[in-house]
Every structure is written in C-alpha cells, then in structure tokens.
N, C-alpha and C. Protein backbone atom coordinates (compact mmCIF):
# COMPACT_ATOMS: atom_id res chain seq x y z
N MET A 1 92.83 78.35 93.01
CA MET A 1 91.97 77.22 93.29
C MET A 1 92.67 76.36 94.34
N LEU A 2 91.96 76.12 95.44
CA LEU A 2 92.53 75.34 96.53
C LEU A 2 91.68 74.10 96.80
N HIS A 3 92.32 72.97 96.88
CA HIS A 3 91.69 71.66 97.02
C HIS A 3 91.36 71.33 98.46
N GLY A 4 90.75 70.17 98.66
CA GLY A 4 90.36 69.71 99.98
C GLY A 4 91.38 68.77 100.61
N ILE A 5 91.01 68.25 101.78
CA ILE A 5 91.87 67.33 102.55
C ILE A 5 92.17 66.08 101.73
N GLY A 6 93.43 65.69 101.71
CA GLY A 6 93.84 64.47 101.02
C GLY A 6 93.78 64.59 99.51
N SER A 7 93.71 65.79 99.01
CA SER A 7 93.58 65.99 97.58
C SER A 7 94.76 66.81 97.06
N SER A 8 94.64 67.27 95.82
CA SER A 8 95.73 68.00 95.18
C SER A 8 95.20 68.80 94.01
N VAL A 9 96.09 69.45 93.29
CA VAL A 9 95.67 70.28 92.14
C VAL A 9 94.91 69.46 91.11
N GLU A 10 95.13 68.17 91.07
CA GLU A 10 94.43 67.33 90.10
C GLU A 10 92.91 67.39 90.27
N THR A 11 92.45 67.78 91.45
CA THR A 11 91.02 67.96 91.70
C THR A 11 90.39 68.87 90.65
N TRP A 12 91.15 69.83 90.19
CA TRP A 12 90.64 70.87 89.31
C TRP A 12 90.88 70.59 87.83
N ALA A 13 91.33 69.40 87.48
CA ALA A 13 91.72 69.09 86.09
C ALA A 13 90.66 69.45 85.06
N TYR A 14 89.39 69.22 85.38
CA TYR A 14 88.33 69.50 84.41
C TYR A 14 87.90 70.97 84.41
N ASN A 15 88.36 71.74 85.39
CA ASN A 15 87.95 73.12 85.53
C ASN A 15 88.95 74.13 84.99
N ILE A 16 90.23 73.80 85.06
CA ILE A 16 91.28 74.76 84.74
C ILE A 16 91.17 75.30 83.32
N SER A 17 91.09 74.42 82.34
CA SER A 17 91.09 74.90 80.95
C SER A 17 89.85 75.73 80.63
N VAL A 18 88.72 75.37 81.20
CA VAL A 18 87.50 76.14 80.96
C VAL A 18 87.63 77.54 81.57
N LEU A 19 88.06 77.61 82.81
CA LEU A 19 88.22 78.91 83.46
C LEU A 19 89.33 79.73 82.81
N ALA A 20 90.37 79.07 82.34
CA ALA A 20 91.51 79.77 81.72
C ALA A 20 91.14 80.45 80.40
N GLN A 21 90.00 80.12 79.85
CA GLN A 21 89.56 80.81 78.63
C GLN A 21 89.26 82.28 78.90
N HIS A 22 88.95 82.62 80.15
CA HIS A 22 88.58 83.99 80.49
C HIS A 22 89.33 84.56 81.69
N HIS A 23 90.14 83.74 82.35
CA HIS A 23 90.82 84.18 83.57
C HIS A 23 92.23 83.60 83.62
N ARG A 24 93.09 84.26 84.37
CA ARG A 24 94.38 83.66 84.71
C ARG A 24 94.11 82.72 85.87
N VAL A 25 94.52 81.47 85.76
CA VAL A 25 94.17 80.45 86.76
C VAL A 25 95.43 79.87 87.38
N TYR A 26 95.40 79.79 88.70
CA TYR A 26 96.43 79.09 89.45
C TYR A 26 95.74 78.04 90.30
N ALA A 27 96.10 76.80 90.14
CA ALA A 27 95.65 75.73 91.03
C ALA A 27 96.87 75.34 91.85
N VAL A 28 96.71 75.38 93.16
CA VAL A 28 97.86 75.27 94.05
C VAL A 28 97.74 74.02 94.92
N ASP A 29 98.82 73.25 94.99
CA ASP A 29 98.91 72.21 96.01
C ASP A 29 99.23 72.92 97.32
N LEU A 30 98.34 72.82 98.29
CA LEU A 30 98.64 73.40 99.59
C LEU A 30 99.86 72.70 100.18
N VAL A 31 100.62 73.43 100.96
CA VAL A 31 101.78 72.84 101.60
C VAL A 31 101.30 71.63 102.42
N GLY A 32 102.02 70.51 102.27
CA GLY A 32 101.63 69.28 102.94
C GLY A 32 100.75 68.39 102.09
N ALA A 33 100.37 68.84 100.90
CA ALA A 33 99.45 68.07 100.06
C ALA A 33 100.02 67.89 98.66
N GLY A 34 99.45 66.93 97.94
CA GLY A 34 99.88 66.71 96.56
C GLY A 34 101.38 66.47 96.47
N ARG A 35 102.00 67.21 95.56
CA ARG A 35 103.45 67.06 95.35
C ARG A 35 104.25 68.16 96.06
N SER A 36 103.59 68.92 96.93
CA SER A 36 104.28 69.99 97.65
C SER A 36 105.16 69.41 98.75
N ASP A 37 105.97 70.30 99.34
CA ASP A 37 106.75 69.90 100.51
C ASP A 37 105.80 69.52 101.65
N LYS A 38 106.28 68.65 102.52
CA LYS A 38 105.48 68.19 103.65
C LYS A 38 106.29 68.35 104.94
N PRO A 39 106.55 69.60 105.30
CA PRO A 39 107.34 69.81 106.51
C PRO A 39 106.54 69.45 107.75
N PRO A 40 107.23 69.13 108.85
CA PRO A 40 106.50 68.93 110.10
C PRO A 40 105.90 70.29 110.48
N ALA A 41 104.59 70.39 110.51
CA ALA A 41 103.91 71.65 110.79
C ALA A 41 102.55 71.36 111.39
N THR A 42 101.88 72.41 111.85
CA THR A 42 100.55 72.24 112.43
C THR A 42 99.48 72.15 111.35
N TYR A 43 99.71 72.72 110.19
CA TYR A 43 98.74 72.73 109.09
C TYR A 43 97.40 73.32 109.50
N SER A 44 97.44 74.33 110.34
CA SER A 44 96.21 75.04 110.72
C SER A 44 95.73 75.88 109.54
N LEU A 45 94.48 76.31 109.61
CA LEU A 45 93.96 77.18 108.55
C LEU A 45 94.77 78.46 108.45
N THR A 46 95.22 78.99 109.59
CA THR A 46 96.05 80.20 109.58
C THR A 46 97.37 79.94 108.87
N TYR A 47 98.00 78.82 109.16
CA TYR A 47 99.27 78.45 108.51
C TYR A 47 99.07 78.32 107.00
N LEU A 48 97.99 77.65 106.60
CA LEU A 48 97.74 77.44 105.17
C LEU A 48 97.35 78.74 104.47
N ALA A 49 96.61 79.62 105.16
CA ALA A 49 96.27 80.93 104.58
C ALA A 49 97.54 81.76 104.38
N GLN A 50 98.47 81.68 105.32
CA GLN A 50 99.74 82.40 105.16
C GLN A 50 100.52 81.84 103.97
N PHE A 51 100.46 80.53 103.78
CA PHE A 51 101.10 79.91 102.61
C PHE A 51 100.54 80.49 101.32
N VAL A 52 99.21 80.65 101.25
CA VAL A 52 98.58 81.23 100.06
C VAL A 52 99.03 82.67 99.88
N LYS A 53 99.09 83.44 100.95
CA LYS A 53 99.56 84.82 100.85
C LYS A 53 100.99 84.87 100.35
N ASP A 54 101.84 84.00 100.89
CA ASP A 54 103.25 83.96 100.44
C ASP A 54 103.33 83.59 98.96
N PHE A 55 102.49 82.66 98.52
CA PHE A 55 102.44 82.28 97.10
C PHE A 55 102.06 83.49 96.25
N MET A 56 101.02 84.20 96.67
CA MET A 56 100.57 85.37 95.92
C MET A 56 101.65 86.45 95.91
N ASP A 57 102.30 86.66 97.04
CA ASP A 57 103.37 87.66 97.11
C ASP A 57 104.53 87.28 96.20
N ALA A 58 104.88 85.99 96.17
CA ALA A 58 105.99 85.54 95.33
C ALA A 58 105.71 85.78 93.85
N LEU A 59 104.43 85.74 93.46
CA LEU A 59 104.05 85.96 92.06
C LEU A 59 103.54 87.38 91.82
N SER A 60 103.68 88.24 92.82
CA SER A 60 103.22 89.63 92.74
C SER A 60 101.74 89.73 92.38
N ILE A 61 100.93 88.87 92.96
CA ILE A 61 99.48 88.91 92.77
C ILE A 61 98.92 89.77 93.89
N GLU A 62 98.42 90.96 93.53
CA GLU A 62 97.92 91.90 94.53
C GLU A 62 96.58 91.48 95.11
N CYS A 63 95.69 90.99 94.24
CA CYS A 63 94.32 90.67 94.64
C CYS A 63 93.84 89.53 93.75
N ALA A 64 93.03 88.65 94.31
CA ALA A 64 92.59 87.49 93.52
C ALA A 64 91.19 87.05 93.93
N SER A 65 90.52 86.39 93.01
CA SER A 65 89.32 85.64 93.32
C SER A 65 89.77 84.24 93.70
N LEU A 66 89.30 83.75 94.83
CA LEU A 66 89.77 82.48 95.37
C LEU A 66 88.63 81.47 95.36
N ILE A 67 88.94 80.26 94.89
CA ILE A 67 87.99 79.16 94.88
C ILE A 67 88.55 78.09 95.82
N GLY A 68 87.73 77.68 96.78
CA GLY A 68 88.18 76.65 97.71
C GLY A 68 87.16 75.55 97.86
N ASN A 69 87.64 74.32 97.77
CA ASN A 69 86.80 73.13 97.95
C ASN A 69 87.13 72.51 99.29
N SER A 70 86.11 72.29 100.12
CA SER A 70 86.26 71.60 101.39
C SER A 70 87.30 72.30 102.26
N LEU A 71 88.41 71.66 102.57
CA LEU A 71 89.48 72.31 103.34
C LEU A 71 89.91 73.60 102.65
N GLY A 72 90.03 73.57 101.32
CA GLY A 72 90.42 74.77 100.59
C GLY A 72 89.46 75.93 100.83
N GLY A 73 88.16 75.62 101.01
CA GLY A 73 87.19 76.65 101.36
C GLY A 73 87.48 77.25 102.72
N GLY A 74 87.83 76.40 103.68
CA GLY A 74 88.22 76.91 105.00
C GLY A 74 89.45 77.79 104.92
N VAL A 75 90.39 77.41 104.07
CA VAL A 75 91.62 78.19 103.92
C VAL A 75 91.30 79.56 103.30
N VAL A 76 90.47 79.60 102.25
CA VAL A 76 90.17 80.89 101.64
C VAL A 76 89.32 81.76 102.57
N LEU A 77 88.46 81.15 103.41
CA LEU A 77 87.74 81.94 104.41
C LEU A 77 88.72 82.57 105.40
N GLU A 78 89.65 81.78 105.89
CA GLU A 78 90.68 82.28 106.81
C GLU A 78 91.52 83.37 106.13
N PHE A 79 91.86 83.13 104.87
CA PHE A 79 92.64 84.11 104.10
C PHE A 79 91.87 85.43 104.02
N ALA A 80 90.57 85.35 103.70
CA ALA A 80 89.76 86.58 103.58
C ALA A 80 89.68 87.33 104.90
N LEU A 81 89.62 86.61 106.02
CA LEU A 81 89.59 87.26 107.32
C LEU A 81 90.92 87.93 107.64
N ASN A 82 92.03 87.28 107.29
CA ASN A 82 93.36 87.80 107.62
C ASN A 82 93.89 88.81 106.62
N PHE A 83 93.50 88.70 105.36
CA PHE A 83 94.03 89.55 104.30
C PHE A 83 92.90 90.06 103.40
N PRO A 84 91.93 90.77 103.95
CA PRO A 84 90.75 91.14 103.16
C PRO A 84 91.06 91.99 101.93
N GLY A 85 92.11 92.76 101.96
CA GLY A 85 92.47 93.60 100.82
C GLY A 85 93.01 92.82 99.64
N LYS A 86 93.32 91.55 99.84
CA LYS A 86 93.88 90.74 98.77
C LYS A 86 92.82 89.85 98.10
N VAL A 87 91.55 90.01 98.53
CA VAL A 87 90.47 89.15 98.02
C VAL A 87 89.50 89.96 97.18
N GLU A 88 89.31 89.53 95.94
CA GLU A 88 88.29 90.14 95.09
C GLU A 88 86.96 89.43 95.29
N LYS A 89 86.96 88.09 95.16
CA LYS A 89 85.76 87.28 95.31
C LYS A 89 86.14 85.95 95.95
N LEU A 90 85.15 85.32 96.58
CA LEU A 90 85.33 83.98 97.11
C LEU A 90 84.30 83.05 96.48
N VAL A 91 84.73 81.85 96.12
CA VAL A 91 83.83 80.80 95.69
C VAL A 91 84.09 79.62 96.62
N LEU A 92 83.07 79.22 97.35
CA LEU A 92 83.20 78.14 98.32
C LEU A 92 82.43 76.92 97.83
N VAL A 93 83.13 75.79 97.75
CA VAL A 93 82.53 74.55 97.28
C VAL A 93 82.57 73.55 98.44
N ASN A 94 81.40 73.27 99.03
CA ASN A 94 81.34 72.33 100.15
C ASN A 94 82.39 72.69 101.20
N SER A 95 82.40 73.95 101.60
CA SER A 95 83.48 74.52 102.40
C SER A 95 83.51 74.07 103.85
N LEU A 96 84.71 73.79 104.30
CA LEU A 96 84.99 73.62 105.72
C LEU A 96 84.87 74.98 106.38
N GLY A 97 84.39 75.02 107.61
CA GLY A 97 84.41 76.25 108.37
C GLY A 97 83.10 77.01 108.41
N LEU A 98 82.06 76.49 107.79
CA LEU A 98 80.77 77.17 107.83
C LEU A 98 79.86 76.55 108.89
N GLY A 99 80.41 75.68 109.67
CA GLY A 99 79.70 74.99 110.74
C GLY A 99 80.60 73.90 111.29
N LYS A 100 80.15 73.20 112.30
CA LYS A 100 80.97 72.14 112.90
C LYS A 100 80.81 70.80 112.20
N GLU A 101 79.81 70.69 111.30
CA GLU A 101 79.53 69.42 110.66
C GLU A 101 80.71 68.95 109.82
N ILE A 102 80.97 67.65 109.92
CA ILE A 102 82.03 67.01 109.13
C ILE A 102 81.70 65.51 109.10
N THR A 103 82.19 64.83 108.10
CA THR A 103 81.86 63.41 107.98
C THR A 103 82.38 62.61 109.17
N LEU A 104 81.69 61.52 109.45
CA LEU A 104 82.10 60.63 110.53
C LEU A 104 83.51 60.10 110.27
N THR A 105 83.82 59.79 109.03
CA THR A 105 85.14 59.27 108.69
C THR A 105 86.24 60.23 109.14
N LEU A 106 86.08 61.52 108.86
CA LEU A 106 87.10 62.50 109.24
C LEU A 106 87.12 62.70 110.76
N ARG A 107 85.97 62.63 111.41
CA ARG A 107 85.96 62.75 112.87
C ARG A 107 86.69 61.56 113.50
N LEU A 108 86.45 60.36 112.98
CA LEU A 108 87.13 59.17 113.52
C LEU A 108 88.63 59.21 113.23
N ALA A 109 89.01 59.87 112.15
CA ALA A 109 90.43 59.97 111.81
C ALA A 109 91.23 60.78 112.82
N THR A 110 90.55 61.48 113.73
CA THR A 110 91.26 62.25 114.74
C THR A 110 91.68 61.41 115.94
N LEU A 111 91.19 60.18 116.01
CA LEU A 111 91.54 59.31 117.14
C LEU A 111 93.03 58.97 117.08
N PRO A 112 93.67 58.84 118.26
CA PRO A 112 95.14 58.69 118.31
C PRO A 112 95.72 57.56 117.48
N PHE A 113 95.06 56.43 117.39
CA PHE A 113 95.63 55.27 116.72
C PHE A 113 95.46 55.29 115.20
N VAL A 114 94.62 56.14 114.68
CA VAL A 114 94.28 56.09 113.26
C VAL A 114 95.48 56.32 112.36
N GLY A 115 96.28 57.30 112.68
CA GLY A 115 97.43 57.60 111.83
C GLY A 115 98.42 56.46 111.70
N ARG A 116 98.49 55.63 112.74
CA ARG A 116 99.43 54.50 112.69
C ARG A 116 98.82 53.27 112.05
N LEU A 117 97.52 53.08 112.18
CA LEU A 117 96.89 51.86 111.71
C LEU A 117 96.48 51.89 110.24
N PHE A 118 96.01 53.03 109.80
CA PHE A 118 95.46 53.11 108.45
C PHE A 118 96.45 53.78 107.50
N LYS A 119 96.57 53.22 106.34
CA LYS A 119 97.42 53.78 105.29
C LYS A 119 96.61 53.78 104.00
N PRO A 120 96.95 54.64 103.05
CA PRO A 120 96.21 54.66 101.78
C PRO A 120 96.29 53.31 101.05
N THR A 121 95.17 52.93 100.46
CA THR A 121 95.11 51.75 99.60
C THR A 121 94.43 52.16 98.29
N ARG A 122 94.61 51.38 97.27
CA ARG A 122 93.95 51.69 96.00
C ARG A 122 92.44 51.61 96.15
N SER A 123 91.94 50.61 96.87
CA SER A 123 90.48 50.48 97.01
C SER A 123 89.92 51.63 97.85
N GLY A 124 90.62 52.03 98.89
CA GLY A 124 90.19 53.17 99.70
C GLY A 124 90.23 54.46 98.90
N THR A 125 91.26 54.60 98.08
CA THR A 125 91.37 55.77 97.22
C THR A 125 90.21 55.82 96.24
N ALA A 126 89.90 54.69 95.62
CA ALA A 126 88.78 54.62 94.67
C ALA A 126 87.47 54.99 95.37
N LEU A 127 87.23 54.46 96.55
CA LEU A 127 86.00 54.76 97.29
C LEU A 127 85.91 56.25 97.61
N ALA A 128 87.00 56.83 98.10
CA ALA A 128 87.00 58.25 98.45
C ALA A 128 86.74 59.12 97.22
N LEU A 129 87.37 58.79 96.11
CA LEU A 129 87.16 59.56 94.88
C LEU A 129 85.72 59.45 94.39
N LYS A 130 85.18 58.26 94.42
CA LYS A 130 83.81 58.06 93.93
C LYS A 130 82.78 58.75 94.82
N GLN A 131 83.08 58.90 96.11
CA GLN A 131 82.17 59.60 97.02
C GLN A 131 82.29 61.11 96.88
N SER A 132 83.30 61.57 96.16
CA SER A 132 83.57 63.01 96.06
C SER A 132 82.96 63.65 94.83
N VAL A 133 82.33 62.89 93.97
CA VAL A 133 81.79 63.44 92.73
C VAL A 133 80.33 63.03 92.57
N TYR A 134 79.60 63.81 91.80
CA TYR A 134 78.21 63.51 91.52
C TYR A 134 78.10 62.28 90.63
N ASP A 135 78.94 62.23 89.59
CA ASP A 135 78.90 61.13 88.62
C ASP A 135 80.15 60.27 88.81
N SER A 136 80.02 59.18 89.56
CA SER A 136 81.18 58.34 89.89
C SER A 136 81.77 57.64 88.66
N THR A 137 81.06 57.62 87.54
CA THR A 137 81.62 57.01 86.33
C THR A 137 82.78 57.85 85.78
N LEU A 138 82.92 59.09 86.25
CA LEU A 138 84.04 59.93 85.83
C LEU A 138 85.37 59.46 86.43
N ILE A 139 85.30 58.66 87.47
CA ILE A 139 86.52 58.21 88.16
C ILE A 139 87.04 56.96 87.47
N SER A 140 88.09 57.14 86.72
CA SER A 140 88.70 56.02 85.98
C SER A 140 89.77 55.34 86.84
N ASN A 141 90.21 54.19 86.38
CA ASN A 141 91.33 53.50 87.06
C ASN A 141 92.58 54.36 87.03
N ASP A 142 92.77 55.14 85.95
CA ASP A 142 93.93 56.04 85.87
C ASP A 142 93.87 57.10 86.97
N TRP A 143 92.67 57.64 87.23
CA TRP A 143 92.52 58.63 88.31
C TRP A 143 92.82 58.00 89.66
N VAL A 144 92.31 56.82 89.89
CA VAL A 144 92.57 56.13 91.15
C VAL A 144 94.07 55.93 91.32
N GLU A 145 94.73 55.47 90.29
CA GLU A 145 96.17 55.23 90.38
C GLU A 145 96.94 56.53 90.63
N LEU A 146 96.56 57.61 89.93
CA LEU A 146 97.21 58.90 90.13
C LEU A 146 97.06 59.36 91.58
N TYR A 147 95.86 59.34 92.11
CA TYR A 147 95.63 59.78 93.49
C TYR A 147 96.31 58.85 94.49
N TYR A 148 96.34 57.56 94.20
CA TYR A 148 97.02 56.63 95.09
C TYR A 148 98.52 56.92 95.12
N GLN A 149 99.11 57.17 93.96
CA GLN A 149 100.55 57.49 93.90
C GLN A 149 100.86 58.77 94.69
N ILE A 150 100.00 59.77 94.57
CA ILE A 150 100.19 61.01 95.32
C ILE A 150 100.04 60.76 96.81
N ALA A 151 99.05 59.95 97.19
CA ALA A 151 98.78 59.67 98.61
C ALA A 151 99.90 58.88 99.27
N THR A 152 100.70 58.17 98.48
CA THR A 152 101.77 57.35 99.05
C THR A 152 103.16 57.97 98.89
N LEU A 153 103.20 59.25 98.51
CA LEU A 153 104.49 59.96 98.47
C LEU A 153 105.05 60.03 99.90
N PRO A 154 106.36 60.17 100.05
CA PRO A 154 106.94 60.28 101.39
C PRO A 154 106.28 61.39 102.22
N ARG A 155 105.93 61.07 103.45
CA ARG A 155 105.32 61.96 104.44
C ARG A 155 103.91 62.43 104.09
N ALA A 156 103.34 61.94 102.98
CA ALA A 156 101.99 62.39 102.58
C ALA A 156 100.95 61.99 103.61
N TRP A 157 100.97 60.74 104.06
CA TRP A 157 99.96 60.28 105.00
C TRP A 157 100.09 61.01 106.33
N GLU A 158 101.31 61.21 106.79
CA GLU A 158 101.53 61.93 108.05
C GLU A 158 101.00 63.36 107.95
N ALA A 159 101.20 64.00 106.81
CA ALA A 159 100.70 65.36 106.61
C ALA A 159 99.17 65.39 106.63
N VAL A 160 98.52 64.43 105.97
CA VAL A 160 97.05 64.38 105.96
C VAL A 160 96.53 64.18 107.38
N VAL A 161 97.09 63.25 108.11
CA VAL A 161 96.65 62.99 109.48
C VAL A 161 96.87 64.23 110.34
N GLY A 162 98.03 64.88 110.19
CA GLY A 162 98.30 66.11 110.94
C GLY A 162 97.31 67.21 110.61
N LEU A 163 96.99 67.34 109.35
CA LEU A 163 96.03 68.35 108.92
C LEU A 163 94.65 68.08 109.51
N ILE A 164 94.23 66.83 109.48
CA ILE A 164 92.93 66.45 110.04
C ILE A 164 92.91 66.74 111.54
N LYS A 165 93.92 66.29 112.26
CA LYS A 165 93.93 66.44 113.71
C LYS A 165 94.04 67.90 114.14
N THR A 166 94.62 68.75 113.32
CA THR A 166 94.74 70.17 113.65
C THR A 166 93.41 70.91 113.47
N ASN A 167 92.62 70.51 112.49
CA ASN A 167 91.44 71.27 112.12
C ASN A 167 90.11 70.63 112.51
N ILE A 168 90.16 69.37 112.94
CA ILE A 168 88.94 68.61 113.23
C ILE A 168 89.14 67.87 114.55
N HIS A 169 88.07 67.67 115.29
CA HIS A 169 88.11 66.79 116.46
C HIS A 169 86.91 65.86 116.40
N LEU A 170 86.78 65.00 117.37
CA LEU A 170 85.75 63.97 117.34
C LEU A 170 84.34 64.55 117.21
N PHE A 171 84.14 65.80 117.65
CA PHE A 171 82.82 66.41 117.63
C PHE A 171 82.58 67.30 116.42
N GLY A 172 83.57 67.40 115.52
CA GLY A 172 83.38 68.19 114.30
C GLY A 172 84.56 69.12 114.03
N VAL A 173 84.29 70.15 113.29
CA VAL A 173 85.32 71.13 112.91
C VAL A 173 85.69 71.95 114.13
N ARG A 174 86.98 72.17 114.32
CA ARG A 174 87.44 73.00 115.44
C ARG A 174 87.06 74.45 115.21
C-alpha cells in the first residue's frame, strides 16, 4: 500500500487490519515521506518505483498486488511498467498519472518561492486532511496532530516540495 503526496503509512490505518484478515499487508512510507529517510533526491516516479522494487527484493517478495493512492498510484503504475513480472494486480485510488489534471494547490506549489514561504501548520494540516476524505468527521484532533508532527520532521517539507516539483508543473502532471 503506497500513500499520496505529503502523506504516510498512517493513511491506511483503517484499511490494514481489514485487509490483513485475508492477505499479507505491507504499508510503506515512500522514501522522502512519513518517517522514512529524506535524502536529497529527485523523487521521480522512476526513483520511487525502484525504491518499491528494492523493498520487495529485501523482503524476498517475488510478486505483489499493489494499492496506490494519488502519488502512490503513479508510483505503482510506473512500477508495473518497469517491473511487470513483479505485479499481480493494481488498485489505483485517485491515481496520479492517468492524465495531466491535478489540483490548483499542487500546481501552485511548483512555483519557485513556495518552498521557502510556506511551511506546514496545524490548521493547514487539518484542512488538507478534511479535504482528503468523504466523511470529514473522521478527522480527529489526534489525527491532525499526528500528521502535523510527521510533516514537521527534519527535511520533511523539503522532500514534499522536491517531490511536487519533480512530478508536477504549473500546467499539471509531468
């Protein structure tokens, strides 16, 4: 299970235990996201797909069904193109990469000054979380605080901005 931009494995908290009743489940923080390392990198879909392959190789996972949300969908699409023999099934949830369309907020985030001017805030985190779910009452103050703490880890913001600028431009998805 692969999360979207600015997110982490916590995205899947309500899904893991249900799916684990019938499947072996791995929810992965993509490199540069969540609590993972945040090396200076391009964070392209190819780079992130290679990260997933390396993860699977490290755990001796020959083939898997991959679920990707938003950016994670773009990563699993790239993974399927580069490593088709390692994919059993794909589940795409609001996937990046099926067209150029992307929110205005993410397109504006590609502008040069954005990375320096804007930083995560609790109110911004709450707004983003509430816009990401059908039932915004599911987003508690504890969830907002958890995501805010993750978003303010060292180099987290720089990694998010780098990821956005690598995969998106002012006119949509690259």
